Amino acid sequence: MDETKGSDGAKLPAGVPVLNVQFKIDGGDYDNRRVFRRFIIAPDKVGGKKYEHKAMMDGMLAKFFMALGWEEDEVVSDSFEPDLEDLKGKECRIQVKVRPETDAYPASNDVAAVRPRSEASAGSALL
């Protein structure tokens, strides 16, 4: 777990919780390589106004947990509090998007989607 820094120009204030996830590729040309994804636990409001991206961010986080085996009704309940240690070693399938280098950012491999392991023969595991 981490928090947003809230620097000048940031879309979110400091202190918003973030779940940092590391995936280990299992098999194929990229065996044993790592890719990363940050899931923001979006606030209801930012600067006193309803946060416009909350539903999208909540949906991405819910899909992540469902891909790892939790049921949708459990994930979307107000009482869902997973033990993050239980995530380690869970298998899943990821879709990686290659982002080319720009003036603002270096080239990177971004985890675009997380799906259940059963949807593919090659996969990844959380570390």
N, C-alpha and C. Protein backbone atom coordinates (compact mmCIF):
# COMPACT_ATOMS: atom_id res chain seq x y z
N MET A 1 0.85 -1.18 0.00
CA MET A 1 0.00 0.00 0.00
C MET A 1 0.89 1.24 0.00
N ASP A 2 0.35 2.29 -0.61
CA ASP A 2 1.06 3.55 -0.70
C ASP A 2 0.01 4.65 -0.65
N GLU A 3 0.43 5.87 -0.84
CA GLU A 3 -0.48 7.02 -0.89
C GLU A 3 -0.05 7.95 -2.01
N THR A 4 -1.01 8.71 -2.54
CA THR A 4 -0.66 9.72 -3.53
C THR A 4 0.13 10.82 -2.84
N LYS A 5 0.99 11.47 -3.63
CA LYS A 5 1.87 12.51 -3.09
C LYS A 5 1.19 13.88 -3.08
N GLY A 6 0.26 14.11 -4.02
CA GLY A 6 -0.45 15.38 -4.05
C GLY A 6 0.40 16.57 -4.42
N SER A 7 1.36 16.40 -5.32
CA SER A 7 2.23 17.51 -5.71
C SER A 7 1.47 18.54 -6.53
N ASP A 8 2.10 19.67 -6.81
CA ASP A 8 1.47 20.74 -7.60
C ASP A 8 0.97 20.18 -8.93
N GLY A 9 -0.25 20.49 -9.27
CA GLY A 9 -0.84 20.04 -10.52
C GLY A 9 -1.40 18.63 -10.49
N ALA A 10 -1.28 17.95 -9.36
CA ALA A 10 -1.79 16.58 -9.25
C ALA A 10 -3.32 16.60 -9.27
N LYS A 11 -3.90 15.56 -9.86
CA LYS A 11 -5.36 15.46 -9.93
C LYS A 11 -5.96 14.99 -8.62
N LEU A 12 -5.15 14.34 -7.79
CA LEU A 12 -5.61 13.86 -6.49
C LEU A 12 -4.78 14.48 -5.38
N PRO A 13 -5.40 14.72 -4.22
CA PRO A 13 -4.65 15.29 -3.11
C PRO A 13 -3.71 14.26 -2.48
N ALA A 14 -2.83 14.71 -1.65
CA ALA A 14 -1.94 13.82 -0.92
C ALA A 14 -2.75 12.93 0.01
N GLY A 15 -2.29 11.69 0.17
CA GLY A 15 -2.90 10.79 1.15
C GLY A 15 -3.96 9.85 0.63
N VAL A 16 -4.28 9.90 -0.67
CA VAL A 16 -5.26 8.97 -1.22
C VAL A 16 -4.59 7.59 -1.30
N PRO A 17 -5.22 6.53 -0.74
CA PRO A 17 -4.58 5.21 -0.75
C PRO A 17 -4.42 4.63 -2.15
N VAL A 18 -3.29 3.94 -2.34
CA VAL A 18 -2.96 3.31 -3.62
C VAL A 18 -2.48 1.89 -3.33
N LEU A 19 -3.00 0.94 -4.10
CA LEU A 19 -2.55 -0.45 -4.02
C LEU A 19 -1.54 -0.67 -5.13
N ASN A 20 -0.28 -0.89 -4.76
CA ASN A 20 0.79 -1.17 -5.73
C ASN A 20 0.89 -2.68 -5.91
N VAL A 21 0.80 -3.13 -7.16
CA VAL A 21 0.82 -4.56 -7.45
C VAL A 21 1.98 -4.87 -8.40
N GLN A 22 2.69 -5.94 -8.08
CA GLN A 22 3.78 -6.43 -8.93
C GLN A 22 3.36 -7.80 -9.47
N PHE A 23 3.43 -7.95 -10.79
CA PHE A 23 3.11 -9.21 -11.45
C PHE A 23 4.40 -9.85 -11.94
N LYS A 24 4.50 -11.16 -11.78
CA LYS A 24 5.65 -11.91 -12.29
C LYS A 24 5.16 -12.75 -13.47
N ILE A 25 5.77 -12.55 -14.64
CA ILE A 25 5.39 -13.29 -15.84
C ILE A 25 5.86 -14.73 -15.70
N ASP A 26 4.97 -15.65 -16.04
CA ASP A 26 5.25 -17.08 -15.92
C ASP A 26 5.15 -17.73 -17.29
N GLY A 27 6.30 -17.97 -17.91
CA GLY A 27 6.34 -18.66 -19.19
C GLY A 27 6.56 -17.72 -20.37
N GLY A 28 6.83 -18.33 -21.51
CA GLY A 28 7.01 -17.58 -22.75
C GLY A 28 8.31 -16.80 -22.80
N ASP A 29 8.38 -15.89 -23.76
CA ASP A 29 9.59 -15.09 -23.99
C ASP A 29 9.95 -14.18 -22.83
N TYR A 30 8.99 -13.85 -21.99
CA TYR A 30 9.22 -12.89 -20.91
C TYR A 30 9.19 -13.56 -19.53
N ASP A 31 9.44 -14.85 -19.48
CA ASP A 31 9.40 -15.61 -18.24
C ASP A 31 10.23 -14.93 -17.14
N ASN A 32 9.63 -14.83 -15.97
CA ASN A 32 10.25 -14.29 -14.77
C ASN A 32 10.44 -12.77 -14.78
N ARG A 33 9.95 -12.08 -15.79
CA ARG A 33 10.02 -10.61 -15.79
C ARG A 33 8.88 -10.07 -14.92
N ARG A 34 9.02 -8.81 -14.52
CA ARG A 34 8.02 -8.16 -13.67
C ARG A 34 7.38 -6.99 -14.39
N VAL A 35 6.10 -6.79 -14.15
CA VAL A 35 5.37 -5.59 -14.58
C VAL A 35 4.55 -5.12 -13.38
N PHE A 36 4.18 -3.87 -13.40
CA PHE A 36 3.57 -3.26 -12.22
C PHE A 36 2.27 -2.54 -12.59
N ARG A 37 1.40 -2.41 -11.58
CA ARG A 37 0.15 -1.67 -11.76
C ARG A 37 -0.21 -1.02 -10.43
N ARG A 38 -0.67 0.20 -10.50
CA ARG A 38 -1.16 0.91 -9.31
C ARG A 38 -2.68 1.05 -9.42
N PHE A 39 -3.37 0.67 -8.38
CA PHE A 39 -4.82 0.84 -8.31
C PHE A 39 -5.11 1.88 -7.24
N ILE A 40 -5.74 2.97 -7.65
CA ILE A 40 -6.07 4.04 -6.70
C ILE A 40 -7.41 3.73 -6.05
N ILE A 41 -7.45 3.85 -4.74
CA ILE A 41 -8.70 3.69 -4.00
C ILE A 41 -9.32 5.08 -3.94
N ALA A 42 -10.14 5.36 -4.94
CA ALA A 42 -10.61 6.71 -5.22
C ALA A 42 -11.49 7.29 -4.11
N PRO A 43 -11.29 8.57 -3.82
CA PRO A 43 -12.14 9.24 -2.84
C PRO A 43 -13.48 9.61 -3.47
N ASP A 44 -14.47 9.83 -2.62
CA ASP A 44 -15.78 10.26 -3.12
C ASP A 44 -15.71 11.69 -3.66
N LYS A 45 -14.94 12.53 -2.96
CA LYS A 45 -14.85 13.94 -3.34
C LYS A 45 -13.39 14.39 -3.38
N VAL A 46 -13.13 15.34 -4.28
CA VAL A 46 -11.82 16.00 -4.37
C VAL A 46 -12.10 17.49 -4.43
N GLY A 47 -11.50 18.23 -3.51
CA GLY A 47 -11.72 19.67 -3.48
C GLY A 47 -13.17 20.05 -3.23
N GLY A 48 -13.89 19.22 -2.47
CA GLY A 48 -15.29 19.49 -2.16
C GLY A 48 -16.27 19.12 -3.25
N LYS A 49 -15.77 18.62 -4.39
CA LYS A 49 -16.64 18.24 -5.50
C LYS A 49 -16.58 16.72 -5.71
N LYS A 50 -17.67 16.17 -6.21
CA LYS A 50 -17.72 14.74 -6.51
C LYS A 50 -16.56 14.40 -7.46
N TYR A 51 -15.80 13.35 -7.14
CA TYR A 51 -14.66 12.97 -7.97
C TYR A 51 -15.16 12.25 -9.21
N GLU A 52 -14.91 12.84 -10.37
CA GLU A 52 -15.48 12.37 -11.63
C GLU A 52 -15.00 11.01 -12.09
N HIS A 53 -13.84 10.56 -11.63
CA HIS A 53 -13.28 9.28 -12.08
C HIS A 53 -13.48 8.14 -11.08
N LYS A 54 -14.22 8.39 -10.01
CA LYS A 54 -14.39 7.39 -8.96
C LYS A 54 -15.00 6.09 -9.48
N ALA A 55 -16.08 6.16 -10.23
CA ALA A 55 -16.75 4.95 -10.72
C ALA A 55 -15.81 4.12 -11.59
N MET A 56 -15.05 4.77 -12.47
CA MET A 56 -14.11 4.07 -13.33
C MET A 56 -13.01 3.39 -12.50
N MET A 57 -12.44 4.11 -11.54
CA MET A 57 -11.37 3.56 -10.72
C MET A 57 -11.88 2.43 -9.82
N ASP A 58 -13.07 2.60 -9.27
CA ASP A 58 -13.66 1.54 -8.45
C ASP A 58 -13.90 0.30 -9.30
N GLY A 59 -14.33 0.49 -10.54
CA GLY A 59 -14.57 -0.64 -11.45
C GLY A 59 -13.29 -1.40 -11.77
N MET A 60 -12.21 -0.68 -12.01
CA MET A 60 -10.92 -1.32 -12.30
C MET A 60 -10.43 -2.12 -11.10
N LEU A 61 -10.59 -1.56 -9.91
CA LEU A 61 -10.17 -2.26 -8.70
C LEU A 61 -11.04 -3.50 -8.47
N ALA A 62 -12.35 -3.37 -8.68
CA ALA A 62 -13.26 -4.51 -8.51
C ALA A 62 -12.91 -5.63 -9.50
N LYS A 63 -12.65 -5.29 -10.75
CA LYS A 63 -12.29 -6.30 -11.75
C LYS A 63 -10.99 -7.01 -11.36
N PHE A 64 -10.05 -6.28 -10.78
CA PHE A 64 -8.80 -6.88 -10.32
C PHE A 64 -9.09 -7.96 -9.28
N PHE A 65 -9.87 -7.62 -8.25
CA PHE A 65 -10.17 -8.60 -7.20
C PHE A 65 -11.01 -9.77 -7.74
N MET A 66 -11.92 -9.51 -8.64
CA MET A 66 -12.72 -10.60 -9.22
C MET A 66 -11.85 -11.52 -10.06
N ALA A 67 -10.86 -10.97 -10.75
CA ALA A 67 -9.94 -11.80 -11.54
C ALA A 67 -9.14 -12.74 -10.65
N LEU A 68 -8.98 -12.36 -9.39
CA LEU A 68 -8.21 -13.17 -8.45
C LEU A 68 -9.09 -14.13 -7.65
N GLY A 69 -10.38 -14.16 -7.97
CA GLY A 69 -11.23 -15.18 -7.37
C GLY A 69 -12.33 -14.74 -6.44
N TRP A 70 -12.39 -13.47 -6.09
CA TRP A 70 -13.48 -13.01 -5.24
C TRP A 70 -14.75 -12.85 -6.07
N GLU A 71 -15.90 -13.04 -5.45
CA GLU A 71 -17.19 -12.87 -6.12
C GLU A 71 -17.56 -11.39 -6.18
N GLU A 72 -18.25 -11.01 -7.26
CA GLU A 72 -18.60 -9.61 -7.46
C GLU A 72 -19.40 -9.03 -6.30
N ASP A 73 -20.39 -9.76 -5.79
CA ASP A 73 -21.21 -9.22 -4.70
C ASP A 73 -20.38 -8.96 -3.45
N GLU A 74 -19.35 -9.77 -3.22
CA GLU A 74 -18.46 -9.56 -2.08
C GLU A 74 -17.59 -8.32 -2.31
N VAL A 75 -17.03 -8.20 -3.51
CA VAL A 75 -16.11 -7.10 -3.84
C VAL A 75 -16.81 -5.75 -3.77
N VAL A 76 -18.04 -5.66 -4.23
CA VAL A 76 -18.73 -4.37 -4.26
C VAL A 76 -19.46 -4.04 -2.97
N SER A 77 -19.42 -4.95 -2.00
CA SER A 77 -20.09 -4.68 -0.72
C SER A 77 -19.28 -3.65 0.07
N ASP A 78 -19.97 -2.94 0.94
CA ASP A 78 -19.30 -1.94 1.78
C ASP A 78 -18.36 -2.56 2.81
N SER A 79 -18.49 -3.87 3.04
CA SER A 79 -17.68 -4.52 4.06
C SER A 79 -16.46 -5.26 3.51
N PHE A 80 -16.19 -5.12 2.20
CA PHE A 80 -15.07 -5.84 1.59
C PHE A 80 -13.74 -5.27 2.06
N GLU A 81 -12.96 -6.08 2.75
CA GLU A 81 -11.62 -5.69 3.22
C GLU A 81 -10.71 -6.89 3.05
N PRO A 82 -10.13 -7.06 1.86
CA PRO A 82 -9.28 -8.23 1.63
C PRO A 82 -7.98 -8.15 2.42
N ASP A 83 -7.48 -9.30 2.80
CA ASP A 83 -6.16 -9.39 3.42
C ASP A 83 -5.15 -9.37 2.27
N LEU A 84 -4.37 -8.32 2.17
CA LEU A 84 -3.46 -8.16 1.04
C LEU A 84 -2.41 -9.26 0.98
N GLU A 85 -2.09 -9.87 2.11
CA GLU A 85 -1.16 -11.00 2.11
C GLU A 85 -1.73 -12.17 1.32
N ASP A 86 -3.07 -12.28 1.27
CA ASP A 86 -3.72 -13.36 0.51
C ASP A 86 -3.54 -13.20 -1.00
N LEU A 87 -3.16 -12.02 -1.45
CA LEU A 87 -2.97 -11.78 -2.88
C LEU A 87 -1.69 -12.42 -3.41
N LYS A 88 -0.70 -12.55 -2.56
CA LYS A 88 0.60 -13.06 -2.99
C LYS A 88 0.47 -14.47 -3.55
N GLY A 89 1.02 -14.66 -4.75
CA GLY A 89 1.02 -15.98 -5.39
C GLY A 89 -0.24 -16.32 -6.15
N LYS A 90 -1.27 -15.48 -6.07
CA LYS A 90 -2.49 -15.75 -6.84
C LYS A 90 -2.18 -15.61 -8.32
N GLU A 91 -2.69 -16.52 -9.11
CA GLU A 91 -2.43 -16.47 -10.54
C GLU A 91 -3.55 -15.74 -11.27
N CYS A 92 -3.16 -15.08 -12.34
CA CYS A 92 -4.11 -14.34 -13.15
C CYS A 92 -3.52 -14.19 -14.55
N ARG A 93 -4.28 -13.61 -15.41
CA ARG A 93 -3.82 -13.31 -16.77
C ARG A 93 -3.81 -11.80 -16.90
N ILE A 94 -2.75 -11.26 -17.47
CA ILE A 94 -2.68 -9.81 -17.66
C ILE A 94 -2.51 -9.47 -19.13
N GLN A 95 -2.98 -8.31 -19.47
CA GLN A 95 -2.77 -7.76 -20.81
C GLN A 95 -1.83 -6.59 -20.64
N VAL A 96 -0.71 -6.62 -21.35
CA VAL A 96 0.30 -5.58 -21.23
C VAL A 96 0.29 -4.73 -22.50
N LYS A 97 0.26 -3.43 -22.29
CA LYS A 97 0.29 -2.47 -23.39
C LYS A 97 1.64 -1.77 -23.37
N VAL A 98 2.30 -1.72 -24.50
CA VAL A 98 3.59 -1.04 -24.59
C VAL A 98 3.33 0.43 -24.90
N ARG A 99 3.80 1.29 -24.00
CA ARG A 99 3.65 2.73 -24.20
C ARG A 99 4.96 3.26 -24.74
N PRO A 100 4.96 3.85 -25.95
CA PRO A 100 6.21 4.35 -26.53
C PRO A 100 6.72 5.58 -25.77
N GLU A 101 7.99 5.83 -25.93
CA GLU A 101 8.61 6.99 -25.29
C GLU A 101 8.06 8.28 -25.90
N THR A 102 7.86 9.27 -25.02
CA THR A 102 7.45 10.61 -25.46
C THR A 102 8.38 11.61 -24.79
N ASP A 103 8.20 12.89 -25.09
CA ASP A 103 9.00 13.92 -24.43
C ASP A 103 8.74 13.94 -22.92
N ALA A 104 7.51 13.56 -22.53
CA ALA A 104 7.14 13.62 -21.12
C ALA A 104 7.43 12.34 -20.34
N TYR A 105 7.42 11.17 -21.03
CA TYR A 105 7.56 9.89 -20.33
C TYR A 105 8.49 8.94 -21.09
N PRO A 106 9.21 8.11 -20.34
CA PRO A 106 10.01 7.07 -21.01
C PRO A 106 9.10 5.94 -21.48
N ALA A 107 9.58 5.09 -22.36
CA ALA A 107 8.81 3.93 -22.80
C ALA A 107 8.53 3.04 -21.59
N SER A 108 7.37 2.38 -21.61
CA SER A 108 7.04 1.51 -20.48
C SER A 108 6.08 0.41 -20.92
N ASN A 109 5.99 -0.62 -20.09
CA ASN A 109 5.03 -1.70 -20.27
C ASN A 109 3.95 -1.51 -19.21
N ASP A 110 2.73 -1.18 -19.64
CA ASP A 110 1.64 -0.91 -18.71
C ASP A 110 0.68 -2.08 -18.67
N VAL A 111 0.28 -2.50 -17.46
CA VAL A 111 -0.73 -3.54 -17.31
C VAL A 111 -2.08 -2.89 -17.62
N ALA A 112 -2.66 -3.28 -18.76
CA ALA A 112 -3.90 -2.68 -19.21
C ALA A 112 -5.13 -3.39 -18.66
N ALA A 113 -5.02 -4.69 -18.37
CA ALA A 113 -6.16 -5.45 -17.86
C ALA A 113 -5.67 -6.65 -17.06
N VAL A 114 -6.48 -7.04 -16.09
CA VAL A 114 -6.23 -8.24 -15.29
C VAL A 114 -7.46 -9.11 -15.42
N ARG A 115 -7.23 -10.38 -15.77
CA ARG A 115 -8.34 -11.31 -15.98
C ARG A 115 -8.08 -12.60 -15.20
N PRO A 116 -9.11 -13.43 -15.02
CA PRO A 116 -8.90 -14.71 -14.34
C PRO A 116 -7.89 -15.58 -15.08
N ARG A 117 -7.14 -16.34 -14.36
CA ARG A 117 -6.13 -17.24 -14.93
C ARG A 117 -6.75 -18.22 -15.90
N SER A 118 -7.97 -18.63 -15.65
CA SER A 118 -8.63 -19.64 -16.47
C SER A 118 -8.85 -19.21 -17.91
N GLU A 119 -8.69 -17.92 -18.21
CA GLU A 119 -8.92 -17.41 -19.56
C GLU A 119 -7.72 -17.58 -20.48
N ALA A 120 -6.61 -18.13 -19.99
CA ALA A 120 -5.42 -18.27 -20.83
C ALA A 120 -4.55 -19.40 -20.35
N SER A 121 -3.66 -19.85 -21.20
CA SER A 121 -2.76 -20.92 -20.80
C SER A 121 -1.47 -20.40 -20.19
N ALA A 122 -1.07 -19.18 -20.50
CA ALA A 122 0.11 -18.57 -19.88
C ALA A 122 -0.36 -17.45 -18.99
N GLY A 123 0.34 -17.19 -17.93
CA GLY A 123 -0.15 -16.18 -17.03
C GLY A 123 0.92 -15.50 -16.23
N SER A 124 0.52 -14.98 -15.09
CA SER A 124 1.42 -14.28 -14.21
C SER A 124 0.97 -14.55 -12.78
N ALA A 125 1.83 -14.27 -11.85
CA ALA A 125 1.50 -14.42 -10.44
C ALA A 125 1.86 -13.13 -9.71
N LEU A 126 1.07 -12.80 -8.70
CA LEU A 126 1.35 -11.61 -7.90
C LEU A 126 2.47 -11.90 -6.93
N LEU A 127 3.32 -10.90 -6.72
CA LEU A 127 4.44 -11.06 -5.77
C LEU A 127 4.24 -10.17 -4.57
